[in-house]
N, C-alpha and C. Protein backbone atom coordinates (compact mmCIF):
# COMPACT_ATOMS: atom_id res chain seq x y z
N UNK A 1 0.96 -4.44 -2.01
CA UNK A 1 2.22 -4.71 -3.37
C UNK A 1 2.78 -3.36 -3.12
N UNK A 2 4.62 -3.65 -3.65
CA UNK A 2 4.68 -1.93 -4.18
C UNK A 2 5.31 -1.55 -5.21
N UNK A 3 5.40 -0.42 -5.97
CA UNK A 3 5.49 -0.55 -7.40
C UNK A 3 6.19 1.13 -7.66
N UNK A 4 6.22 1.19 -8.56
CA UNK A 4 6.32 2.83 -8.62
C UNK A 4 5.34 3.46 -8.84
N UNK A 5 4.10 3.18 -9.72
CA UNK A 5 3.20 3.65 -9.87
C UNK A 5 2.15 2.44 -10.35
N UNK A 6 0.65 2.78 -10.16
CA UNK A 6 -0.19 2.67 -10.48
C UNK A 6 -1.15 2.96 -11.79
N UNK A 7 -1.72 2.22 -12.52
CA UNK A 7 -3.00 3.13 -13.14
C UNK A 7 -4.17 3.20 -12.19
N UNK A 8 -4.76 4.57 -12.09
CA UNK A 8 -5.86 4.32 -11.11
C UNK A 8 -6.71 3.82 -10.81
N UNK A 9 -7.32 3.25 -12.65
CA UNK A 9 -8.37 2.43 -11.91
C UNK A 9 -7.92 1.01 -11.66
N UNK A 10 -6.22 0.43 -11.63
CA UNK A 10 -6.15 -0.11 -10.58
C UNK A 10 -6.51 0.17 -9.17
N UNK A 11 -4.91 0.94 -9.15
CA UNK A 11 -5.41 1.38 -7.61
C UNK A 11 -6.44 1.88 -7.00
N UNK A 12 -7.46 2.47 -7.23
CA UNK A 12 -9.35 2.34 -6.98
C UNK A 12 -10.01 1.02 -7.09
N UNK A 13 -9.32 0.07 -7.68
CA UNK A 13 -10.22 -1.14 -7.85
C UNK A 13 -9.84 -2.04 -6.46
N UNK A 14 -8.45 -1.99 -6.35
CA UNK A 14 -7.37 -2.39 -5.02
C UNK A 14 -7.76 -2.32 -3.97
N UNK A 15 -7.87 -1.23 -4.10
CA UNK A 15 -8.63 0.10 -2.75
C UNK A 15 -10.06 -0.37 -2.41
N UNK A 16 -10.73 -0.15 -3.17
CA UNK A 16 -12.77 -0.40 -2.74
C UNK A 16 -12.65 -1.84 -2.56
N UNK A 17 -11.50 -2.84 -3.71
CA UNK A 17 -11.94 -4.39 -3.00
C UNK A 17 -11.51 -4.74 -1.86
N UNK A 18 -10.73 -4.14 -1.33
CA UNK A 18 -9.80 -5.23 -0.30
C UNK A 18 -9.12 -5.76 -0.25
N UNK A 19 -8.35 -5.61 -2.34
CA UNK A 19 -7.45 -7.31 -2.18
C UNK A 19 -6.38 -6.87 -2.52
N UNK A 20 -5.49 -5.46 -2.09
CA UNK A 20 -4.02 -5.52 -1.91
C UNK A 20 -4.00 -3.66 -1.21
N UNK A 21 -3.31 -4.26 -0.75
CA UNK A 21 -2.54 -2.25 -0.70
C UNK A 21 -1.27 -1.93 -1.45
N UNK A 22 -2.17 -1.10 -2.25
CA UNK A 22 -1.52 -0.50 -3.44
C UNK A 22 -0.28 0.45 -3.43
N UNK A 23 0.94 0.30 -2.19
CA UNK A 23 2.26 0.84 -1.51
C UNK A 23 2.79 1.87 -2.89
N UNK A 24 3.29 2.58 -3.16
CA UNK A 24 3.85 3.66 -4.53
C UNK A 24 5.02 4.27 -3.39
N UNK A 25 5.95 3.42 -4.48
CA UNK A 25 7.61 3.91 -3.93
C UNK A 25 7.94 5.01 -4.68
N UNK A 26 8.51 6.03 -3.90
CA UNK A 26 9.46 6.93 -4.35
C UNK A 26 10.50 7.13 -5.33
N UNK A 27 11.26 5.62 -5.34
CA UNK A 27 11.94 5.44 -6.25
C UNK A 27 11.59 3.73 -7.09
N UNK A 28 12.90 3.82 -7.76
CA UNK A 28 12.42 2.65 -8.42
C UNK A 28 12.85 1.72 -7.69
N UNK A 29 12.58 0.68 -7.54
CA UNK A 29 13.18 -0.52 -6.76
C UNK A 29 13.52 -1.68 -7.09
N UNK A 30 13.67 -1.99 -8.46
CA UNK A 30 13.80 -3.12 -8.94
C UNK A 30 14.74 -3.66 -9.24
N UNK A 31 15.71 -2.39 -9.37
CA UNK A 31 17.31 -2.83 -9.28
C UNK A 31 17.94 -2.87 -7.93
N UNK A 32 17.60 -2.33 -6.70
CA UNK A 32 17.47 -2.44 -5.40
C UNK A 32 17.35 -3.87 -4.20
N UNK A 33 15.92 -4.20 -4.87
CA UNK A 33 15.38 -5.43 -4.12
C UNK A 33 15.75 -6.61 -4.49
N UNK A 34 15.61 -7.52 -4.52
CA UNK A 34 16.25 -8.95 -5.09
C UNK A 34 14.91 -10.26 -4.54
N UNK A 35 14.87 -11.00 -5.08
CA UNK A 35 13.85 -12.05 -4.91
C UNK A 35 14.47 -12.79 -3.58
N UNK A 36 14.04 -12.99 -2.16
CA UNK A 36 14.61 -13.88 -1.60
C UNK A 36 14.60 -12.68 -0.36
N UNK A 37 14.67 -11.26 -0.80
CA UNK A 37 15.38 -10.45 0.57
C UNK A 37 13.94 -9.90 1.12
N UNK A 38 14.34 -9.90 2.49
CA UNK A 38 13.13 -9.69 3.68
C UNK A 38 12.55 -8.11 3.72
N UNK A 39 11.71 -8.07 3.56
CA UNK A 39 11.32 -6.63 3.33
C UNK A 39 10.49 -6.49 5.09
N UNK A 40 10.51 -5.11 5.19
CA UNK A 40 9.71 -4.87 6.55
C UNK A 40 8.95 -3.37 6.04
N UNK A 41 7.55 -3.61 6.17
CA UNK A 41 6.63 -2.19 5.44
C UNK A 41 6.45 -1.39 7.26
N UNK A 42 6.55 -0.03 7.17
CA UNK A 42 6.24 0.54 7.92
C UNK A 42 5.42 1.52 7.55
N UNK A 43 3.70 1.21 7.65
CA UNK A 43 2.94 1.46 6.69
C UNK A 43 2.19 2.88 7.27
N UNK A 44 2.00 3.15 8.92
CA UNK A 44 1.85 4.20 9.06
C UNK A 44 2.84 5.93 9.23
N UNK A 45 4.19 5.07 9.09
CA UNK A 45 5.00 5.29 8.78
C UNK A 45 5.64 6.53 7.63
N UNK A 46 5.56 5.46 6.34
CA UNK A 46 5.16 5.52 4.97
C UNK A 46 6.79 5.11 4.53
N UNK A 47 7.41 3.96 5.09
CA UNK A 47 8.47 3.64 4.59
C UNK A 47 8.39 2.69 4.47
N UNK A 48 9.83 1.70 4.32
CA UNK A 48 10.08 0.16 4.11
C UNK A 48 11.21 -0.62 3.98
N UNK A 49 11.80 -1.04 4.66
CA UNK A 49 13.40 -1.78 5.06
C UNK A 49 13.64 -2.80 4.31
N UNK A 50 14.33 -2.51 3.71
CA UNK A 50 14.97 -3.98 2.96
C UNK A 50 16.37 -4.38 4.52
N UNK A 51 15.55 -5.74 5.07
CA UNK A 51 16.37 -6.10 5.97
C UNK A 51 17.58 -6.91 5.34
N UNK A 52 17.55 -7.24 4.27
CA UNK A 52 18.97 -7.82 4.01
C UNK A 52 19.92 -7.03 3.70
N UNK A 53 19.89 -6.05 3.36
CA UNK A 53 20.74 -5.22 2.85
C UNK A 53 20.56 -3.76 3.59
N UNK A 54 19.56 -3.98 4.74
CA UNK A 54 19.86 -2.69 5.89
C UNK A 54 19.10 -1.21 5.12
N UNK A 55 18.92 -1.16 3.57
CA UNK A 55 18.17 -0.33 3.28
C UNK A 55 17.00 0.39 3.46
N UNK A 56 16.56 1.56 3.64
CA UNK A 56 15.41 2.48 3.84
C UNK A 56 14.98 3.12 2.84
N UNK A 57 13.79 2.51 2.28
CA UNK A 57 12.96 3.09 1.34
C UNK A 57 11.81 4.23 1.48
N UNK A 58 11.63 5.33 0.75
CA UNK A 58 10.40 6.02 1.12
C UNK A 58 9.09 5.72 0.40
N UNK A 59 7.87 5.49 0.63
CA UNK A 59 6.78 5.47 0.06
C UNK A 59 5.91 6.39 -0.06
N UNK A 60 5.22 6.65 -1.20
CA UNK A 60 4.11 7.59 -1.08
C UNK A 60 2.93 7.71 -0.23
N UNK A 61 2.33 8.27 0.03
CA UNK A 61 1.25 8.60 1.40
C UNK A 61 0.30 7.92 0.75
N UNK A 62 -0.65 6.88 1.50
CA UNK A 62 -2.22 6.49 0.81
C UNK A 62 -3.01 7.31 0.68
N UNK A 63 -3.07 8.41 1.81
CA UNK A 63 -3.86 9.88 1.41
C UNK A 63 -5.17 9.11 2.23
N UNK A 64 -6.10 9.57 1.50
CA UNK A 64 -7.87 9.73 2.08
C UNK A 64 -8.41 7.91 1.60
N UNK A 65 -7.55 6.72 1.12
CA UNK A 65 -7.41 5.56 1.04
C UNK A 65 -7.88 4.98 2.09
N UNK A 66 -6.22 5.40 2.79
CA UNK A 66 -6.04 4.60 4.17
C UNK A 66 -7.58 4.12 4.79
N UNK A 67 -8.59 5.16 5.60
CA UNK A 67 -9.69 4.46 6.14
C UNK A 67 -10.39 3.17 5.32
N UNK A 68 -10.29 2.92 4.22
CA UNK A 68 -11.23 2.24 3.11
C UNK A 68 -9.90 1.25 3.32
N UNK A 69 -9.05 1.28 3.18
CA UNK A 69 -8.12 -0.24 3.54
C UNK A 69 -8.22 -0.86 4.55
N UNK A 70 -8.12 0.30 5.77
CA UNK A 70 -8.20 -0.89 6.95
C UNK A 70 -9.78 -1.21 7.58
N UNK A 71 -11.03 -0.41 7.01
CA UNK A 71 -12.00 -1.29 7.11
C UNK A 71 -12.03 -2.43 6.17
N UNK A 72 -11.42 -3.00 5.25
CA UNK A 72 -11.04 -3.61 3.83
C UNK A 72 -12.03 -3.46 2.97
N UNK A 73 -12.04 -2.69 2.60
CA UNK A 73 -12.95 -2.26 1.52
C UNK A 73 -13.97 -1.36 1.39
N UNK A 74 -14.10 -1.00 0.23
CA UNK A 74 -15.66 0.05 0.28
C UNK A 74 -16.59 -0.41 1.03
N UNK A 75 -17.08 -1.40 0.64
CA UNK A 75 -18.23 -1.55 1.41
C UNK A 75 -18.40 -2.20 2.75
N UNK A 76 -17.17 -2.78 3.29
CA UNK A 76 -16.75 -2.60 4.82
C UNK A 76 -16.79 -1.24 5.27
N UNK A 77 -16.12 -0.47 4.60
CA UNK A 77 -16.24 0.96 5.56
C UNK A 77 -17.63 1.64 5.01
N UNK A 78 -18.02 1.59 4.32
CA UNK A 78 -19.80 1.59 4.09
C UNK A 78 -20.41 2.04 5.13
N UNK A 79 -20.24 0.08 5.71
CA UNK A 79 -21.11 0.03 6.93
C UNK A 79 -20.85 0.28 8.07
N UNK A 80 -19.63 0.83 8.03
CA UNK A 80 -18.78 0.77 9.60
C UNK A 80 -19.26 2.49 9.23
N UNK A 81 -19.37 3.46 8.16
CA UNK A 81 -19.69 4.32 8.75
C UNK A 81 -20.78 5.33 8.41
N UNK A 82 -22.24 4.17 8.55
CA UNK A 82 -23.14 4.09 9.02
C UNK A 82 -23.91 4.22 7.03
N UNK A 83 -23.49 4.17 6.21
CA UNK A 83 -23.68 4.77 4.64
C UNK A 83 -24.66 3.25 4.29
N UNK A 84 -24.30 2.16 5.17
CA UNK A 84 -25.24 1.10 4.21
C UNK A 84 -25.66 0.58 6.10
N UNK A 85 -27.14 -0.40 5.62
CA UNK A 85 -27.10 -1.14 6.82
C UNK A 85 -27.39 -2.51 6.37
């Protein structure tokens, strides 16, 4: 999911629960992306490409929550890190 910003509580709940990856754009995209456009997200490099228009859009870095997202949520991350049995 990509938005301009998220309320911090929604952002953390999304990350901790492993429900969605809450990506934030550096610019307002609602006027630049249309229903039916094909998008390609480059998570490691921090950008998305609208393959329909050819435009590239920068995303804000996920920072220290990336390992939690990659693990599938906070409980999976804690198990992998040896914090839970």
